[in-house]
Protein backbone atom coordinates (compact mmCIF):
# COMPACT_ATOMS: atom_id res chain seq x y z
CA UNK A 1 0.00 0.00 0.00
CA UNK A 2 1.52 3.30 -1.10
CA UNK A 3 0.29 6.47 0.62
CA UNK A 4 1.22 9.81 -0.92
CA UNK A 5 0.96 12.86 1.33
CA UNK A 6 1.45 16.19 -0.43
CA UNK A 7 2.10 19.36 1.53
CA UNK A 8 4.67 21.46 3.36
CA UNK A 9 6.12 19.45 6.27
CA UNK A 10 9.31 19.85 8.26
CA UNK A 11 11.47 16.85 9.10
CA UNK A 12 9.98 16.37 12.56
CA UNK A 13 6.46 16.28 11.15
CA UNK A 14 7.50 13.83 8.44
CA UNK A 15 9.02 11.53 11.04
CA UNK A 16 5.97 11.73 13.33
CA UNK A 17 3.62 10.89 10.47
CA UNK A 18 5.57 8.16 8.68
CA UNK A 19 6.30 6.24 11.89
CA UNK A 20 2.64 6.37 12.93
CA UNK A 21 1.40 4.47 9.87
CA UNK A 22 1.70 0.66 9.71
CA UNK A 23 5.32 -0.10 8.94
CA UNK A 24 4.53 -2.31 5.96
CA UNK A 25 2.91 0.64 4.17
CA UNK A 26 5.00 2.84 1.92
CA UNK A 27 4.33 6.39 3.12
CA UNK A 28 5.80 9.16 0.95
CA UNK A 29 5.62 12.83 1.97
CA UNK A 30 6.55 15.42 -0.65
CA UNK A 31 5.86 19.10 -1.34
CA UNK A 32 3.79 20.14 -4.37
CA UNK A 33 5.85 19.91 -7.56
CA UNK A 34 7.56 17.52 -9.94
CA UNK A 35 8.41 14.89 -7.31
CA UNK A 36 4.72 14.65 -6.48
CA UNK A 37 3.89 13.92 -10.12
CA UNK A 38 6.35 11.02 -10.09
CA UNK A 39 4.77 9.39 -7.02
CA UNK A 40 1.15 9.98 -8.05
CA UNK A 41 1.51 7.35 -10.78
CA UNK A 42 1.56 4.34 -8.47
CA UNK A 43 0.02 5.47 -5.18
CA UNK A 44 -3.23 3.93 -3.93
CA UNK A 45 -4.05 6.71 -1.46
CA UNK A 46 -3.57 10.47 -1.77
CA UNK A 47 -3.72 12.86 1.20
CA UNK A 48 -3.50 16.30 -0.45
CA UNK A 49 -2.61 19.68 1.03
CA UNK A 50 -1.95 22.83 -0.98
CA UNK A 51 -2.74 21.15 -4.31
CA UNK A 52 -5.80 20.80 -6.53
CA UNK A 53 -6.95 17.26 -7.14
CA UNK A 54 -8.47 17.76 -10.59
CA UNK A 55 -8.73 16.06 -13.99
CA UNK A 56 -5.14 17.00 -14.84
CA UNK A 57 -3.67 15.42 -11.71
CA UNK A 58 -5.94 12.39 -11.78
CA UNK A 59 -4.93 11.56 -15.36
CA UNK A 60 -1.59 10.38 -13.94
CA UNK A 61 -3.06 8.53 -10.94
CA UNK A 62 -3.46 5.10 -12.49
CA UNK A 63 -3.75 3.12 -9.24
CA UNK A 64 -5.47 5.65 -6.98
CA UNK A 65 -8.32 4.25 -4.86
CA UNK A 66 -8.88 6.94 -2.22
CA UNK A 67 -8.42 10.68 -1.83
CA UNK A 68 -8.49 11.34 1.92
CA UNK A 69 -8.69 14.90 3.21
CA UNK A 70 -8.94 16.51 6.60
CA UNK A 71 -12.11 18.41 7.46
CA UNK A 72 -11.97 20.56 4.31
CA UNK A 73 -12.25 19.21 0.78
CA UNK A 74 -12.50 22.35 -1.34
CA UNK A 75 -9.33 21.36 -3.20
CA UNK A 76 -10.80 18.12 -4.57
CA UNK A 77 -12.85 17.74 -7.75
CA UNK A 78 -15.24 15.11 -6.43
CA UNK A 79 -17.08 14.44 -9.74
CA UNK A 80 -13.72 13.90 -11.49
CA UNK A 81 -12.75 11.34 -8.85
CA UNK A 82 -16.12 9.63 -9.11
CA UNK A 83 -15.76 9.29 -12.88
CA UNK A 84 -12.54 7.36 -12.30
CA UNK A 85 -13.92 5.16 -9.54
CA UNK A 86 -11.89 6.88 -6.83
CA UNK A 87 -13.33 7.30 -3.36
CA UNK A 88 -13.18 10.75 -1.74
CA UNK A 89 -13.57 11.08 2.02
CA UNK A 90 -12.96 13.77 4.58
CA UNK A 91 -12.45 13.57 8.33
CA UNK A 92 -15.55 15.49 9.35
CA UNK A 93 -15.66 16.29 13.05
CA UNK A 94 -12.39 14.55 13.88
CA UNK A 95 -10.65 17.81 14.77
CA UNK A 96 -13.68 19.53 16.34
CA UNK A 97 -12.30 19.47 19.89
CA UNK A 98 -8.86 20.69 18.81
CA UNK A 99 -10.15 23.56 16.67
CA UNK A 100 -12.70 24.67 19.25
CA UNK A 101 -10.01 24.75 21.94
CA UNK A 102 -7.82 26.79 19.59
CA UNK A 103 -10.63 29.28 19.05
CA UNK A 104 -11.03 29.74 22.79
CA UNK A 105 -7.27 30.11 23.19
CA UNK A 106 -7.27 32.87 20.56
CA UNK A 107 -10.22 34.65 22.17
CA UNK A 108 -8.59 34.57 25.59
CA UNK A 109 -5.21 35.60 24.20
CA UNK A 110 -6.79 38.59 22.48
CA UNK A 111 -8.96 39.88 25.32
CA UNK A 112 -6.36 39.18 28.00
CA UNK A 113 -3.58 40.67 25.82
CA UNK A 114 -1.36 37.62 26.37
CA UNK A 115 1.02 38.22 23.40
CA UNK A 116 1.54 41.86 24.43
CA UNK A 117 2.05 41.07 28.12
CA UNK A 118 4.41 38.19 27.35
CA UNK A 119 6.51 40.46 25.15
CA UNK A 120 6.39 43.19 27.82
CA UNK A 121 7.76 40.89 30.51
CA UNK A 122 10.41 39.23 28.35
CA UNK A 123 11.74 42.62 27.25
CA UNK A 124 12.12 43.54 30.96
CA UNK A 125 10.09 46.72 30.66
CA UNK A 126 9.12 48.80 33.71
CA UNK A 127 5.91 47.32 35.10
CA UNK A 128 5.00 50.73 36.57
CA UNK A 129 4.73 51.99 32.98
CA UNK A 130 2.43 49.18 31.87
CA UNK A 131 -0.57 50.49 29.93
CA UNK A 132 -3.02 48.16 28.26
CA UNK A 133 -6.73 47.43 27.93
CA UNK A 134 -8.28 44.04 28.66
CA UNK A 135 -11.75 42.61 28.92
CA UNK A 136 -13.77 39.77 30.43
CA UNK A 137 -15.76 37.38 28.26
CA UNK A 138 -18.86 37.29 30.47
CA UNK A 139 -21.78 38.98 28.74
CA UNK A 140 -20.09 39.20 25.35
CA UNK A 141 -21.98 37.87 22.33
CA UNK A 142 -20.23 35.46 20.00
CA UNK A 143 -21.68 34.92 16.56
CA UNK A 144 -20.81 31.54 15.06
CA UNK A 145 -21.05 31.21 11.28
CA UNK A 146 -21.74 27.52 10.69
CA UNK A 147 -23.06 25.22 13.41
CA UNK A 148 -21.48 21.89 12.51
CA UNK A 149 -19.30 19.80 14.81
CA UNK A 150 -16.75 22.57 15.41
CA UNK A 151 -19.32 25.37 15.71
CA UNK A 152 -21.28 23.41 18.30
CA UNK A 153 -18.13 22.79 20.33
CA UNK A 154 -17.24 26.48 20.25
CA UNK A 155 -20.77 27.32 21.38
CA UNK A 156 -20.54 24.91 24.31
CA UNK A 157 -17.18 26.29 25.41
CA UNK A 158 -18.37 29.89 25.22
CA UNK A 159 -21.44 29.20 27.35
CA UNK A 160 -19.10 28.07 30.13
CA UNK A 161 -17.69 31.62 30.10
CA UNK A 162 -21.22 33.04 30.48
CA UNK A 163 -21.22 34.39 26.95
CA UNK A 164 -24.27 34.90 24.78
CA UNK A 165 -24.17 32.58 21.77
CA UNK A 166 -25.87 33.14 18.45
CA UNK A 167 -25.32 31.33 15.17
CA UNK A 168 -26.07 31.45 11.48
CA UNK A 169 -26.30 28.29 9.36
CA UNK A 170 -27.19 27.96 5.69
CA UNK A 171 -29.02 24.73 6.45
CA UNK A 172 -31.67 24.45 9.13
CA UNK A 173 -30.24 23.47 12.50
CA UNK A 174 -32.46 21.92 15.15
CA UNK A 175 -31.51 23.04 18.65
CA UNK A 176 -32.38 20.82 21.59
CA UNK A 177 -32.39 23.84 23.90
CA UNK A 178 -32.34 27.61 23.72
CA UNK A 179 -28.63 27.97 24.53
CA UNK A 180 -27.85 29.04 20.96
CA UNK A 181 -29.97 31.67 19.26
CA UNK A 182 -30.30 31.11 15.51
CA UNK A 183 -30.22 34.38 13.54
CA UNK A 184 -29.78 35.52 9.95
CA UNK A 185 -26.37 36.43 8.57
CA UNK A 186 -26.77 40.23 8.72
CA UNK A 187 -28.06 40.11 12.30
CA UNK A 188 -25.13 37.97 13.35
CA UNK A 189 -22.36 40.11 11.88
CA UNK A 190 -23.94 43.39 13.01
CA UNK A 191 -24.70 42.46 16.64
CA UNK A 192 -21.87 40.10 17.67
CA UNK A 193 -18.86 41.16 19.73
CA UNK A 194 -16.98 38.19 18.28
CA UNK A 195 -17.56 36.66 14.85
CA UNK A 196 -16.09 33.18 14.38
CA UNK A 197 -16.16 31.31 11.03
CA UNK A 198 -16.82 27.56 10.89
CA UNK A 199 -18.08 26.75 7.39
CA UNK A 200 -16.51 24.94 4.43
CA UNK A 201 -15.11 26.81 1.45
CA UNK A 202 -17.21 26.41 -1.69
CA UNK A 203 -18.70 28.59 -4.43
CA UNK A 204 -21.41 29.85 -2.08
CA UNK A 205 -19.03 30.80 0.73
CA UNK A 206 -16.02 32.08 -1.24
CA UNK A 207 -15.23 35.62 0.03
CA UNK A 208 -18.48 35.62 1.98
CA UNK A 209 -16.77 37.89 4.49
CA UNK A 210 -15.83 40.99 2.50
CA UNK A 211 -15.80 44.76 2.76
CA UNK A 212 -19.60 44.97 2.98
CA UNK A 213 -19.64 42.43 5.82
CA UNK A 214 -16.87 44.18 7.76
CA UNK A 215 -18.68 47.51 7.39
CA UNK A 216 -21.72 45.98 9.11
CA UNK A 217 -19.69 44.77 12.08
CA UNK A 218 -19.28 46.87 15.20
CA UNK A 219 -16.01 48.77 15.57
CA UNK A 220 -15.36 46.66 18.69
CA UNK A 221 -15.81 43.33 16.91
CA UNK A 222 -13.15 40.62 17.06
CA UNK A 223 -13.07 38.51 13.87
CA UNK A 224 -11.83 34.90 14.02
CA UNK A 225 -11.18 32.52 11.14
CA UNK A 226 -9.99 28.94 11.69
CA UNK A 227 -11.93 27.50 8.73
CA UNK A 228 -10.54 28.40 5.28
CA UNK A 229 -8.76 31.55 4.14
CA UNK A 230 -10.77 31.81 0.93
CA UNK A 231 -13.98 32.49 2.85
CA UNK A 232 -12.57 35.94 3.57
CA UNK A 233 -11.47 38.69 1.20
CA UNK A 234 -8.07 39.18 2.80
CA UNK A 235 -7.49 42.62 1.27
CA UNK A 236 -10.79 43.83 2.69
CA UNK A 237 -9.91 42.36 6.08
CA UNK A 238 -6.54 44.12 6.15
CA UNK A 239 -8.14 47.43 5.21
CA UNK A 240 -10.80 47.00 7.90
CA UNK A 241 -8.14 46.26 10.51
CA UNK A 242 -5.98 49.22 9.49
CA UNK A 243 -8.98 51.57 9.43
CA UNK A 244 -10.24 50.19 12.74
CA UNK A 245 -13.60 49.30 11.20
CA UNK A 246 -13.27 46.26 13.46
CA UNK A 247 -11.24 45.88 16.65
CA UNK A 248 -9.02 42.99 15.66
CA UNK A 249 -8.64 39.53 14.19
CA UNK A 250 -7.34 36.10 15.14
CA UNK A 251 -6.42 34.04 12.09
CA UNK A 252 -5.24 30.47 11.59
CA UNK A 253 -5.96 30.27 7.85
CA UNK A 254 -5.14 32.50 4.89
CA UNK A 255 -5.91 32.98 1.20
CA UNK A 256 -2.36 31.88 0.36
CA UNK A 257 -0.59 29.32 2.54
CA UNK A 258 1.98 29.39 3.91
CA UNK A 259 1.26 33.06 4.64
CA UNK A 260 3.65 35.16 2.52
CA UNK A 261 6.44 36.75 4.54
CA UNK A 262 5.53 40.19 3.16
CA UNK A 263 1.87 39.94 4.18
CA UNK A 264 0.66 43.06 5.97
CA UNK A 265 -1.09 40.82 8.48
CA UNK A 266 2.29 40.05 10.04
CA UNK A 267 2.77 43.70 11.00
CA UNK A 268 -0.63 44.59 12.45
CA UNK A 269 -0.71 45.00 16.23
CA UNK A 270 -4.42 44.12 16.44
CA UNK A 271 -3.95 40.68 14.89
CA UNK A 272 -2.97 37.30 16.38
CA UNK A 273 -1.71 34.76 13.84
CA UNK A 274 -1.16 31.01 13.96
CA UNK A 275 0.10 28.88 11.01
CA UNK A 276 -2.94 26.67 10.22
CA UNK A 277 -2.34 24.56 13.31
CA UNK A 278 -5.76 24.77 15.00
CA UNK A 279 -6.54 21.17 14.14
CA UNK A 280 -3.06 19.86 14.97
CA UNK A 281 -2.73 19.81 18.76
CA UNK A 282 -0.15 17.01 18.96
CA UNK A 283 2.66 18.88 17.26
CA UNK A 284 3.52 20.48 13.96
CA UNK A 285 1.22 19.03 11.26
CA UNK A 286 0.30 16.03 13.43
CA UNK A 287 -2.92 15.03 15.20
CA UNK A 288 -3.15 11.49 16.52
CA UNK A 289 -6.95 11.25 16.22
CA UNK A 290 -6.81 12.51 12.63
CA UNK A 291 -4.26 9.90 11.57
CA UNK A 292 -6.11 7.14 13.42
CA UNK A 293 -9.10 8.04 11.25
CA UNK A 294 -6.99 8.09 8.09
CA UNK A 295 -5.51 4.65 8.80
CA UNK A 296 -8.93 3.17 9.57
CA UNK A 297 -10.39 4.58 6.34
CA UNK A 298 -7.49 3.32 4.24
CA UNK A 299 -7.96 -0.17 5.68
CA UNK A 300 -11.67 -0.02 4.86
CA UNK A 301 -10.98 0.81 1.21
CA UNK A 302 -8.21 -1.78 1.07
CA UNK A 303 -10.80 -4.36 2.18
CA UNK A 304 -13.28 -3.29 -0.48
CA UNK A 305 -15.53 -1.33 1.90
CA UNK A 306 -16.85 2.21 1.64
CA UNK A 307 -14.79 4.79 3.53
CA UNK A 308 -16.29 6.53 6.51
CA UNK A 309 -17.36 10.13 5.82
CA UNK A 310 -17.36 9.38 2.10
CA UNK A 311 -18.18 12.34 -0.12
CA UNK A 312 -19.12 10.42 -3.26
CA UNK A 313 -20.93 7.25 -4.27
CA UNK A 314 -19.35 4.63 -6.49
CA UNK A 315 -20.98 1.76 -8.34
CA UNK A 316 -19.40 -1.24 -6.61
C-alpha cells in the first residue's frame, strides 16, 4: 500500500507521520511539484494539502483508490474522482475538539492581551509603565457562522464563560435547547462582539466575508477565522483592521498558505496569527486522532468497503 501525502512538512512532522502508519505501508511525503507527479503514478491513497486534485492530476493517478482529506475538501474535484472510480472522504468532526479549543485560546489571548504582556515581561520593561486594555468574556456575544461539529463545540465552550451565543447556518439546524440563538447572517455580523467562522469553502461561501460584511460589524468586533482563508477577502480584512472598522482579528488560515512573509497581516498589532495549526494539537502538522481516522479509512478501502465520511458514491 503506497500512501502519498502532499504538503509542506518539516522533518519532525515527516518523522511523526511516517512512523505512525503501519510499517509495511509505503508512506511518501513530498511538497507540491515535480516529485509529487512522479509518485502519483503508483500510489493507492492520496492525502493532499496545498494542491488541486483535478482532472489533470488524476490523469496520472493510475492506481489511486482513495483521496483522503482533513475536514476541508474544497481542493478536490469530487465528480472527477467519481468518474474514475476513486473514493473521496474527509475527516468530518475529527478535529472539532482541537479547533474549538484553539478558538477559545485565541479569544482569551486577544482579550487578555497575552502576546503583548508576554513580550512586555520578556523585554524587561518597567511594570510601573504598563498600559493596556483588557476585557472579560462574560456577557459578550459570540456569533458563530456555521453550526457543525466545530461550531457546536465552540458554542458549548463559550457558554461556560457566560457568553451569549448566536449562530447562522445555511441549512436548518435543530436546537435541543435555547442555549444558541439562531439568527440571519446580517443580524449575526452586526450584533456580535466576536464573529467566528466555521463553514466549508465552496462557491457559495467564497469571500463571503468581504468589505460589505466588515462595514456591518461593530467597531469593537473581534473577527476569528480557523476555517478556510478563501472564505474571507483578505485585502478587505486588512483594510478594515488598518482603518479600525473592526477591533481585531485572530487568524489560523489565509488565502495563500503558507502566509507570505511580506503579508501586511504580520505587522498589524491588532492581529494574532497562527500557522494553520488549530486542528493539529499534537505537534507540527500532526494530530493522533486525525491519523487514526486516516488509517482506519485506508484499511476499509483496502478491504473493499466504503470509507467513513465518504463524499461520493461509487458503483461497486
